[in-house]
N, C-alpha and C. Protein backbone atom coordinates (compact mmCIF):
# COMPACT_ATOMS: atom_id res chain seq x y z
N UNK A 1 0.84 -1.16 0.00
CA UNK A 1 0.00 0.00 0.00
C UNK A 1 0.89 1.23 0.00
N UNK A 2 0.58 2.20 -0.81
CA UNK A 2 1.36 3.42 -0.90
C UNK A 2 0.68 4.48 -0.05
N UNK A 3 1.47 5.08 0.84
CA UNK A 3 0.93 6.15 1.67
C UNK A 3 1.86 7.35 1.56
N UNK A 4 1.38 8.48 2.03
CA UNK A 4 2.22 9.66 2.04
C UNK A 4 3.34 9.49 3.04
N UNK A 5 4.43 10.21 2.83
CA UNK A 5 5.55 10.12 3.75
C UNK A 5 5.20 10.73 5.11
N UNK A 6 4.37 11.74 5.10
CA UNK A 6 3.97 12.39 6.34
C UNK A 6 2.59 11.88 6.74
N UNK A 7 2.51 11.30 7.92
CA UNK A 7 1.22 10.81 8.40
C UNK A 7 0.60 11.91 9.26
N UNK A 8 -0.62 12.33 8.96
CA UNK A 8 -1.24 13.42 9.71
C UNK A 8 -1.44 13.06 11.18
N UNK A 9 -1.22 14.03 12.07
CA UNK A 9 -1.35 13.83 13.51
C UNK A 9 -2.79 13.45 13.87
N UNK A 10 -3.76 14.05 13.21
CA UNK A 10 -5.15 13.74 13.50
C UNK A 10 -5.48 12.27 13.19
N UNK A 11 -4.90 11.76 12.13
CA UNK A 11 -5.10 10.36 11.79
C UNK A 11 -4.53 9.46 12.88
N UNK A 12 -3.30 9.76 13.33
CA UNK A 12 -2.69 8.98 14.39
C UNK A 12 -3.50 9.05 15.67
N UNK A 13 -3.96 10.24 16.02
CA UNK A 13 -4.74 10.41 17.23
C UNK A 13 -6.06 9.64 17.15
N UNK A 14 -6.69 9.66 16.00
CA UNK A 14 -7.95 8.92 15.87
C UNK A 14 -7.73 7.40 15.96
N UNK A 15 -6.57 6.93 15.53
CA UNK A 15 -6.28 5.50 15.58
C UNK A 15 -5.94 5.01 17.00
N UNK A 16 -5.29 5.86 17.79
CA UNK A 16 -4.84 5.41 19.11
C UNK A 16 -5.63 6.04 20.25
N UNK A 17 -6.76 6.66 19.94
CA UNK A 17 -7.53 7.38 20.96
C UNK A 17 -7.98 6.46 22.09
N UNK A 18 -8.63 5.37 21.80
CA UNK A 18 -9.15 4.47 22.84
C UNK A 18 -8.04 3.86 23.69
N UNK A 19 -7.02 3.25 23.08
CA UNK A 19 -5.95 2.69 23.93
C UNK A 19 -5.24 3.75 24.75
N UNK A 20 -5.09 4.95 24.19
CA UNK A 20 -4.42 6.03 24.92
C UNK A 20 -5.23 6.44 26.15
N UNK A 21 -6.53 6.54 26.00
CA UNK A 21 -7.40 6.90 27.14
C UNK A 21 -7.34 5.82 28.20
N UNK A 22 -7.37 4.56 27.82
CA UNK A 22 -7.31 3.46 28.78
C UNK A 22 -5.98 3.47 29.54
N UNK A 23 -4.88 3.68 28.83
CA UNK A 23 -3.56 3.72 29.48
C UNK A 23 -3.47 4.91 30.43
N UNK A 24 -3.99 6.05 30.05
CA UNK A 24 -3.96 7.23 30.93
C UNK A 24 -4.78 6.98 32.19
N UNK A 25 -5.96 6.41 32.04
CA UNK A 25 -6.81 6.12 33.21
C UNK A 25 -6.12 5.11 34.13
N UNK A 26 -5.56 4.05 33.57
CA UNK A 26 -4.85 3.06 34.38
C UNK A 26 -3.64 3.68 35.07
N UNK A 27 -2.93 4.54 34.38
CA UNK A 27 -1.78 5.22 34.98
C UNK A 27 -2.17 6.12 36.13
N UNK A 28 -3.26 6.87 35.95
CA UNK A 28 -3.74 7.75 37.03
C UNK A 28 -4.20 6.93 38.23
N UNK A 29 -4.94 5.86 37.97
CA UNK A 29 -5.42 5.01 39.07
C UNK A 29 -4.25 4.37 39.83
N UNK A 30 -3.28 3.84 39.08
CA UNK A 30 -2.13 3.22 39.77
C UNK A 30 -1.29 4.27 40.49
N UNK A 31 -1.18 5.48 39.95
CA UNK A 31 -0.45 6.55 40.64
C UNK A 31 -1.13 6.97 41.93
N UNK A 32 -2.45 7.10 41.90
CA UNK A 32 -3.20 7.47 43.11
C UNK A 32 -3.11 6.36 44.15
N UNK A 33 -3.29 5.11 43.71
CA UNK A 33 -3.18 3.99 44.64
C UNK A 33 -1.79 3.91 45.27
N UNK A 34 -0.76 4.13 44.47
CA UNK A 34 0.61 4.07 44.99
C UNK A 34 0.88 5.22 45.96
N UNK A 35 0.32 6.39 45.70
CA UNK A 35 0.57 7.55 46.55
C UNK A 35 -0.12 7.41 47.91
N UNK A 36 -1.38 6.97 47.92
CA UNK A 36 -2.15 6.93 49.16
C UNK A 36 -2.14 5.55 49.83
N UNK A 37 -1.94 4.53 49.06
CA UNK A 37 -1.97 3.17 49.62
C UNK A 37 -0.74 2.42 49.15
N UNK A 38 0.42 2.73 49.70
CA UNK A 38 1.69 2.14 49.28
C UNK A 38 1.73 0.63 49.52
N UNK A 39 1.05 0.17 50.51
CA UNK A 39 1.12 -1.24 50.86
C UNK A 39 0.27 -2.12 49.94
N UNK A 40 -0.68 -1.54 49.20
CA UNK A 40 -1.56 -2.34 48.35
C UNK A 40 -0.83 -2.83 47.10
N UNK A 41 -0.13 -1.93 46.44
CA UNK A 41 0.58 -2.30 45.20
C UNK A 41 2.01 -2.72 45.52
N UNK A 42 2.41 -3.90 45.03
CA UNK A 42 3.79 -4.35 45.29
C UNK A 42 4.78 -3.58 44.41
N UNK A 43 6.01 -3.55 44.85
CA UNK A 43 7.09 -2.95 44.05
C UNK A 43 7.41 -3.89 42.89
N UNK A 44 7.49 -3.34 41.71
CA UNK A 44 7.80 -4.14 40.52
C UNK A 44 9.25 -3.90 40.15
N UNK A 45 10.07 -4.95 40.15
CA UNK A 45 11.48 -4.77 39.81
C UNK A 45 11.65 -4.43 38.32
N UNK A 46 12.71 -3.73 38.01
CA UNK A 46 12.97 -3.29 36.64
C UNK A 46 13.27 -4.48 35.71
N UNK A 47 13.73 -5.58 36.27
CA UNK A 47 14.04 -6.77 35.47
C UNK A 47 12.82 -7.32 34.75
N UNK A 48 11.64 -7.19 35.34
CA UNK A 48 10.42 -7.67 34.70
C UNK A 48 10.13 -6.85 33.44
N UNK A 49 10.29 -5.55 33.53
CA UNK A 49 10.05 -4.69 32.37
C UNK A 49 11.02 -5.01 31.23
N UNK A 50 12.29 -5.23 31.56
CA UNK A 50 13.26 -5.54 30.49
C UNK A 50 12.97 -6.91 29.88
N UNK A 51 12.59 -7.87 30.72
CA UNK A 51 12.26 -9.20 30.20
C UNK A 51 11.05 -9.12 29.28
N UNK A 52 10.03 -8.37 29.68
CA UNK A 52 8.86 -8.19 28.82
C UNK A 52 9.24 -7.49 27.52
N UNK A 53 10.11 -6.48 27.62
CA UNK A 53 10.56 -5.77 26.41
C UNK A 53 11.28 -6.68 25.45
N UNK A 54 12.13 -7.55 25.97
CA UNK A 54 12.85 -8.49 25.12
C UNK A 54 11.88 -9.48 24.47
N UNK A 55 10.94 -10.00 25.26
CA UNK A 55 9.96 -10.95 24.72
C UNK A 55 9.12 -10.31 23.63
N UNK A 56 8.67 -9.09 23.86
CA UNK A 56 7.86 -8.39 22.85
C UNK A 56 8.68 -8.13 21.58
N UNK A 57 9.96 -7.76 21.75
CA UNK A 57 10.78 -7.50 20.56
C UNK A 57 11.01 -8.78 19.76
N UNK A 58 11.17 -9.91 20.43
CA UNK A 58 11.34 -11.17 19.71
C UNK A 58 10.06 -11.53 18.96
N UNK A 59 8.91 -11.37 19.61
CA UNK A 59 7.65 -11.65 18.94
C UNK A 59 7.43 -10.73 17.74
N UNK A 60 7.75 -9.45 17.91
CA UNK A 60 7.58 -8.51 16.80
C UNK A 60 8.50 -8.85 15.64
N UNK A 61 9.75 -9.20 15.95
CA UNK A 61 10.67 -9.53 14.85
C UNK A 61 10.20 -10.79 14.12
N UNK A 62 9.65 -11.75 14.85
CA UNK A 62 9.12 -12.96 14.22
C UNK A 62 7.94 -12.61 13.31
N UNK A 63 7.01 -11.79 13.79
CA UNK A 63 5.84 -11.41 12.98
C UNK A 63 6.26 -10.62 11.75
N UNK A 64 7.22 -9.70 11.91
CA UNK A 64 7.70 -8.91 10.76
C UNK A 64 8.35 -9.83 9.73
N UNK A 65 9.13 -10.78 10.21
CA UNK A 65 9.79 -11.72 9.31
C UNK A 65 8.77 -12.56 8.55
N UNK A 66 7.74 -13.03 9.23
CA UNK A 66 6.69 -13.81 8.56
C UNK A 66 5.93 -12.96 7.55
N UNK A 67 5.63 -11.72 7.91
CA UNK A 67 4.92 -10.84 6.98
C UNK A 67 5.76 -10.60 5.73
N UNK A 68 7.06 -10.38 5.91
CA UNK A 68 7.94 -10.17 4.76
C UNK A 68 8.01 -11.43 3.91
N UNK A 69 8.04 -12.60 4.55
CA UNK A 69 8.07 -13.86 3.79
C UNK A 69 6.81 -14.03 2.95
N UNK A 70 5.66 -13.70 3.52
CA UNK A 70 4.40 -13.79 2.77
C UNK A 70 4.40 -12.81 1.60
N UNK A 71 4.90 -11.59 1.85
CA UNK A 71 4.95 -10.60 0.78
C UNK A 71 5.88 -11.08 -0.34
N UNK A 72 7.03 -11.63 0.03
CA UNK A 72 7.99 -12.09 -0.98
C UNK A 72 7.41 -13.25 -1.78
N UNK A 73 6.72 -14.17 -1.11
CA UNK A 73 6.10 -15.28 -1.82
C UNK A 73 5.05 -14.79 -2.81
N UNK A 74 4.23 -13.84 -2.38
CA UNK A 74 3.21 -13.28 -3.27
C UNK A 74 3.86 -12.57 -4.45
N UNK A 75 4.95 -11.88 -4.20
CA UNK A 75 5.65 -11.17 -5.27
C UNK A 75 6.21 -12.15 -6.29
N UNK A 76 6.79 -13.26 -5.83
CA UNK A 76 7.35 -14.24 -6.78
C UNK A 76 6.24 -14.94 -7.56
N UNK A 77 5.11 -15.21 -6.90
CA UNK A 77 3.99 -15.84 -7.61
C UNK A 77 3.45 -14.90 -8.68
N UNK A 78 3.30 -13.61 -8.34
CA UNK A 78 2.81 -12.65 -9.31
C UNK A 78 3.80 -12.51 -10.47
N UNK A 79 5.09 -12.51 -10.17
CA UNK A 79 6.10 -12.46 -11.23
C UNK A 79 6.01 -13.67 -12.15
N UNK A 80 5.75 -14.84 -11.57
CA UNK A 80 5.61 -16.05 -12.39
C UNK A 80 4.37 -15.97 -13.28
N UNK A 81 3.28 -15.41 -12.74
CA UNK A 81 2.06 -15.25 -13.55
C UNK A 81 2.33 -14.32 -14.73
N UNK A 82 3.00 -13.22 -14.49
CA UNK A 82 3.30 -12.28 -15.57
C UNK A 82 4.22 -12.93 -16.60
N UNK A 83 5.24 -13.64 -16.14
CA UNK A 83 6.16 -14.30 -17.07
C UNK A 83 5.47 -15.40 -17.87
N UNK A 84 4.60 -16.17 -17.23
CA UNK A 84 3.87 -17.21 -17.96
C UNK A 84 2.91 -16.61 -18.98
N UNK A 85 2.33 -15.46 -18.65
CA UNK A 85 1.45 -14.79 -19.61
C UNK A 85 2.23 -14.32 -20.83
N UNK A 86 3.40 -13.78 -20.59
CA UNK A 86 4.26 -13.36 -21.72
C UNK A 86 4.65 -14.57 -22.55
N UNK A 87 5.02 -15.65 -21.87
CA UNK A 87 5.43 -16.86 -22.59
C UNK A 87 4.29 -17.41 -23.44
N UNK A 88 3.07 -17.33 -22.93
CA UNK A 88 1.92 -17.80 -23.70
C UNK A 88 1.80 -17.02 -25.01
N UNK A 89 1.89 -15.71 -24.91
CA UNK A 89 1.75 -14.88 -26.12
C UNK A 89 2.92 -15.12 -27.07
N UNK A 90 4.13 -15.26 -26.53
CA UNK A 90 5.29 -15.52 -27.39
C UNK A 90 5.18 -16.89 -28.08
N UNK A 91 4.67 -17.89 -27.36
CA UNK A 91 4.48 -19.20 -27.97
C UNK A 91 3.42 -19.15 -29.06
N UNK A 92 2.36 -18.41 -28.80
CA UNK A 92 1.33 -18.26 -29.84
C UNK A 92 1.91 -17.59 -31.08
N UNK A 93 2.75 -16.59 -30.88
CA UNK A 93 3.37 -15.92 -32.03
C UNK A 93 4.33 -16.86 -32.76
N UNK A 94 4.98 -17.75 -32.01
CA UNK A 94 5.91 -18.69 -32.63
C UNK A 94 5.17 -19.74 -33.46
N UNK A 95 4.09 -20.30 -32.91
CA UNK A 95 3.41 -21.40 -33.58
C UNK A 95 2.36 -20.94 -34.59
N UNK A 96 1.84 -19.72 -34.45
CA UNK A 96 0.75 -19.26 -35.31
C UNK A 96 1.18 -18.02 -36.09
N UNK A 97 1.88 -18.23 -37.14
CA UNK A 97 2.39 -17.10 -37.91
C UNK A 97 1.29 -16.28 -38.56
N UNK A 98 0.33 -16.98 -39.20
CA UNK A 98 -0.66 -16.24 -39.98
C UNK A 98 -1.97 -15.97 -39.23
N UNK A 99 -2.12 -16.48 -38.04
CA UNK A 99 -3.36 -16.31 -37.28
C UNK A 99 -3.26 -15.14 -36.29
N UNK A 100 -2.98 -13.96 -36.80
CA UNK A 100 -2.73 -12.80 -35.95
C UNK A 100 -3.97 -12.41 -35.15
N UNK A 101 -5.13 -12.53 -35.75
CA UNK A 101 -6.35 -12.14 -35.03
C UNK A 101 -6.61 -13.04 -33.82
N UNK A 102 -6.35 -14.33 -33.96
CA UNK A 102 -6.54 -15.24 -32.83
C UNK A 102 -5.48 -15.01 -31.76
N UNK A 103 -4.27 -14.71 -32.16
CA UNK A 103 -3.22 -14.36 -31.18
C UNK A 103 -3.65 -13.13 -30.40
N UNK A 104 -4.16 -12.16 -31.11
CA UNK A 104 -4.62 -10.92 -30.50
C UNK A 104 -5.75 -11.20 -29.50
N UNK A 105 -6.68 -12.05 -29.89
CA UNK A 105 -7.83 -12.36 -29.05
C UNK A 105 -7.41 -13.12 -27.78
N UNK A 106 -6.60 -14.15 -27.94
CA UNK A 106 -6.14 -14.94 -26.79
C UNK A 106 -5.28 -14.08 -25.85
N UNK A 107 -4.43 -13.24 -26.43
CA UNK A 107 -3.58 -12.39 -25.57
C UNK A 107 -4.43 -11.38 -24.79
N UNK A 108 -5.50 -10.89 -25.40
CA UNK A 108 -6.39 -9.99 -24.67
C UNK A 108 -7.15 -10.72 -23.56
N UNK A 109 -7.51 -11.97 -23.80
CA UNK A 109 -8.12 -12.76 -22.73
C UNK A 109 -7.13 -12.92 -21.57
N UNK A 110 -5.87 -13.16 -21.90
CA UNK A 110 -4.85 -13.35 -20.86
C UNK A 110 -4.61 -12.04 -20.09
N UNK A 111 -4.59 -10.93 -20.80
CA UNK A 111 -4.43 -9.63 -20.14
C UNK A 111 -5.62 -9.36 -19.23
N UNK A 112 -6.81 -9.65 -19.70
CA UNK A 112 -8.01 -9.45 -18.88
C UNK A 112 -7.96 -10.34 -17.65
N UNK A 113 -7.45 -11.57 -17.81
CA UNK A 113 -7.35 -12.47 -16.67
C UNK A 113 -6.39 -11.93 -15.62
N UNK A 114 -5.22 -11.42 -16.07
CA UNK A 114 -4.23 -10.88 -15.12
C UNK A 114 -4.79 -9.67 -14.37
N UNK A 115 -5.39 -8.74 -15.10
CA UNK A 115 -5.95 -7.56 -14.44
C UNK A 115 -7.12 -7.94 -13.53
N UNK A 116 -7.93 -8.90 -13.94
CA UNK A 116 -9.05 -9.33 -13.11
C UNK A 116 -8.55 -10.00 -11.83
N UNK A 117 -7.48 -10.77 -11.95
CA UNK A 117 -6.89 -11.39 -10.76
C UNK A 117 -6.40 -10.33 -9.79
N UNK A 118 -5.73 -9.32 -10.33
CA UNK A 118 -5.25 -8.23 -9.47
C UNK A 118 -6.41 -7.56 -8.75
N UNK A 119 -7.45 -7.22 -9.48
CA UNK A 119 -8.60 -6.52 -8.88
C UNK A 119 -9.32 -7.41 -7.87
N UNK A 120 -9.47 -8.70 -8.19
CA UNK A 120 -10.18 -9.58 -7.26
C UNK A 120 -9.38 -9.82 -5.99
N UNK A 121 -8.05 -9.89 -6.07
CA UNK A 121 -7.23 -10.03 -4.87
C UNK A 121 -7.31 -8.79 -3.98
N UNK A 122 -7.49 -7.65 -4.60
CA UNK A 122 -7.64 -6.41 -3.83
C UNK A 122 -9.09 -6.12 -3.46
N UNK A 123 -9.99 -7.02 -3.86
CA UNK A 123 -11.44 -6.89 -3.60
C UNK A 123 -11.99 -5.59 -4.18
N UNK A 124 -11.58 -5.34 -5.42
CA UNK A 124 -12.05 -4.17 -6.14
C UNK A 124 -12.98 -4.62 -7.26
N UNK A 125 -13.64 -3.66 -7.87
CA UNK A 125 -14.58 -3.96 -8.95
C UNK A 125 -13.83 -4.35 -10.22
N UNK A 126 -14.22 -5.46 -10.81
CA UNK A 126 -13.54 -5.98 -12.00
C UNK A 126 -14.15 -5.44 -13.28
N UNK A 127 -15.36 -4.92 -13.21
CA UNK A 127 -16.10 -4.56 -14.42
C UNK A 127 -15.38 -3.51 -15.26
N UNK A 128 -14.68 -2.58 -14.64
CA UNK A 128 -13.96 -1.54 -15.40
C UNK A 128 -12.88 -2.17 -16.27
N UNK A 129 -12.17 -3.14 -15.71
CA UNK A 129 -11.11 -3.83 -16.47
C UNK A 129 -11.72 -4.60 -17.63
N UNK A 130 -12.80 -5.33 -17.34
CA UNK A 130 -13.42 -6.14 -18.39
C UNK A 130 -13.96 -5.27 -19.52
N UNK A 131 -14.57 -4.14 -19.17
CA UNK A 131 -15.12 -3.25 -20.20
C UNK A 131 -14.04 -2.67 -21.10
N UNK A 132 -12.84 -2.45 -20.55
CA UNK A 132 -11.79 -1.84 -21.36
C UNK A 132 -11.04 -2.85 -22.24
N UNK A 133 -11.12 -4.16 -21.91
CA UNK A 133 -10.32 -5.14 -22.65
C UNK A 133 -11.18 -6.09 -23.48
N UNK A 134 -12.28 -6.56 -22.92
CA UNK A 134 -13.08 -7.58 -23.61
C UNK A 134 -14.21 -6.96 -24.42
N UNK A 135 -14.74 -7.75 -25.33
CA UNK A 135 -15.90 -7.31 -26.12
C UNK A 135 -17.17 -7.49 -25.28
N UNK A 136 -18.25 -6.88 -25.73
CA UNK A 136 -19.53 -6.96 -25.01
C UNK A 136 -20.02 -8.40 -24.95
N UNK A 137 -19.86 -9.12 -26.06
CA UNK A 137 -20.28 -10.53 -26.10
C UNK A 137 -19.51 -11.37 -25.08
N UNK A 138 -18.19 -11.12 -24.97
CA UNK A 138 -17.37 -11.85 -24.00
C UNK A 138 -17.73 -11.47 -22.57
N UNK A 139 -18.02 -10.20 -22.35
CA UNK A 139 -18.39 -9.75 -21.01
C UNK A 139 -19.69 -10.42 -20.57
N UNK A 140 -20.64 -10.58 -21.49
CA UNK A 140 -21.90 -11.26 -21.17
C UNK A 140 -21.64 -12.71 -20.77
N UNK A 141 -20.72 -13.38 -21.47
CA UNK A 141 -20.38 -14.76 -21.12
C UNK A 141 -19.74 -14.83 -19.73
N UNK A 142 -18.86 -13.87 -19.45
CA UNK A 142 -18.16 -13.86 -18.16
C UNK A 142 -19.12 -13.58 -17.02
N UNK A 143 -20.06 -12.69 -17.22
CA UNK A 143 -21.01 -12.31 -16.17
C UNK A 143 -21.93 -13.45 -15.75
N UNK A 144 -22.11 -14.44 -16.62
CA UNK A 144 -22.97 -15.58 -16.29
C UNK A 144 -22.34 -16.48 -15.23
N UNK A 145 -21.02 -16.41 -15.09
CA UNK A 145 -20.31 -17.28 -14.16
C UNK A 145 -20.11 -16.58 -12.81
N UNK A 146 -20.04 -17.38 -11.76
CA UNK A 146 -19.76 -16.81 -10.44
C UNK A 146 -18.26 -16.56 -10.27
N UNK A 147 -17.43 -17.33 -10.97
CA UNK A 147 -15.98 -17.16 -10.91
C UNK A 147 -15.50 -16.49 -12.19
N UNK A 148 -15.21 -15.21 -12.10
CA UNK A 148 -14.83 -14.42 -13.28
C UNK A 148 -13.53 -14.92 -13.91
N UNK A 149 -12.56 -15.25 -13.08
CA UNK A 149 -11.27 -15.68 -13.60
C UNK A 149 -11.37 -16.99 -14.37
N UNK A 150 -12.13 -17.91 -13.85
CA UNK A 150 -12.35 -19.18 -14.55
C UNK A 150 -13.10 -18.95 -15.86
N UNK A 151 -14.06 -18.04 -15.83
CA UNK A 151 -14.82 -17.75 -17.04
C UNK A 151 -13.93 -17.17 -18.13
N UNK A 152 -12.99 -16.31 -17.75
CA UNK A 152 -12.06 -15.75 -18.75
C UNK A 152 -11.17 -16.85 -19.31
N UNK A 153 -10.71 -17.77 -18.46
CA UNK A 153 -9.91 -18.90 -18.96
C UNK A 153 -10.72 -19.77 -19.90
N UNK A 154 -12.00 -19.92 -19.61
CA UNK A 154 -12.85 -20.73 -20.48
C UNK A 154 -13.10 -20.08 -21.82
N UNK A 155 -12.87 -18.79 -21.93
CA UNK A 155 -12.95 -18.14 -23.24
C UNK A 155 -11.75 -18.50 -24.11
N UNK A 156 -10.60 -18.77 -23.48
CA UNK A 156 -9.38 -19.08 -24.22
C UNK A 156 -9.36 -20.50 -24.76
N UNK A 157 -9.84 -21.44 -23.98
CA UNK A 157 -9.69 -22.85 -24.36
C UNK A 157 -10.36 -23.23 -25.68
N UNK A 158 -11.57 -22.74 -25.99
CA UNK A 158 -12.12 -23.12 -27.31
C UNK A 158 -11.29 -22.61 -28.49
N UNK A 159 -10.66 -21.46 -28.30
CA UNK A 159 -9.83 -20.94 -29.39
C UNK A 159 -8.62 -21.83 -29.63
N UNK A 160 -7.99 -22.26 -28.56
CA UNK A 160 -6.82 -23.13 -28.70
C UNK A 160 -7.25 -24.49 -29.27
N UNK A 161 -8.39 -24.99 -28.83
CA UNK A 161 -8.92 -26.25 -29.35
C UNK A 161 -9.21 -26.12 -30.85
N UNK A 162 -9.78 -24.99 -31.24
CA UNK A 162 -10.09 -24.74 -32.65
C UNK A 162 -8.81 -24.70 -33.49
N UNK A 163 -7.78 -24.05 -32.96
CA UNK A 163 -6.50 -23.99 -33.67
C UNK A 163 -5.91 -25.38 -33.86
N UNK A 164 -6.05 -26.22 -32.85
CA UNK A 164 -5.54 -27.60 -32.96
C UNK A 164 -6.33 -28.40 -34.00
N UNK A 165 -7.66 -28.26 -33.98
CA UNK A 165 -8.50 -29.00 -34.92
C UNK A 165 -8.24 -28.58 -36.36
N UNK A 166 -7.98 -27.26 -36.57
CA UNK A 166 -7.72 -26.78 -37.93
C UNK A 166 -6.30 -27.08 -38.40
N UNK A 167 -5.45 -27.58 -37.50
CA UNK A 167 -4.10 -27.97 -37.89
C UNK A 167 -3.07 -26.87 -37.74
N UNK A 168 -3.42 -25.75 -37.15
CA UNK A 168 -2.43 -24.69 -36.94
C UNK A 168 -1.49 -25.02 -35.79
N UNK A 169 -1.95 -25.87 -34.89
CA UNK A 169 -1.11 -26.32 -33.77
C UNK A 169 -0.97 -27.83 -33.87
N UNK A 170 0.27 -28.31 -33.68
CA UNK A 170 0.44 -29.76 -33.59
C UNK A 170 0.30 -30.17 -32.12
N UNK A 171 0.41 -31.46 -31.86
CA UNK A 171 0.22 -31.97 -30.49
C UNK A 171 1.24 -31.38 -29.52
N UNK A 172 2.50 -31.29 -29.96
CA UNK A 172 3.55 -30.74 -29.10
C UNK A 172 3.25 -29.27 -28.75
N UNK A 173 2.87 -28.48 -29.74
CA UNK A 173 2.59 -27.06 -29.50
C UNK A 173 1.39 -26.89 -28.57
N UNK A 174 0.39 -27.73 -28.77
CA UNK A 174 -0.81 -27.62 -27.91
C UNK A 174 -0.46 -27.94 -26.46
N UNK A 175 0.34 -28.96 -26.23
CA UNK A 175 0.75 -29.31 -24.86
C UNK A 175 1.63 -28.20 -24.28
N UNK A 176 2.49 -27.65 -25.08
CA UNK A 176 3.38 -26.58 -24.61
C UNK A 176 2.59 -25.35 -24.21
N UNK A 177 1.59 -25.02 -25.00
CA UNK A 177 0.76 -23.84 -24.70
C UNK A 177 -0.11 -24.16 -23.50
């Protein structure tokens, strides 16, 4: 997520308002109890605070490391998806010299699939992407399905099957694609 370099103070205050009020109230109560009733609250040695600080820092470093690992894994998977999409289009160009319109159509389906995946992972509206890349007829087919990404893939398979039946793709090329 991209944010501004300067985080507004009001935003920070609104985020930490409740915990800040609770900590202030607890601090005031413990201060009053300690001042008037010294025997009620035991003395807390400084070693406990340092031990808690060390434990919290270890837990935080573990969580940060796990979050970074998840981010890195997602980044590599997304990179593989982009590379495989490029490879698909390059293979189509290699095997189908004269079928430029079908290459164009399949590559647009693949582009729509990648953008739709991005939008669906971010829980955003996919319709803008579909309207800009696919035809109205294809959008109607996709809208009938509950899984948009699968529906876009199902638009590609009949084209590849048709290319194989017409002899533009041999068995090796079809398996490779």
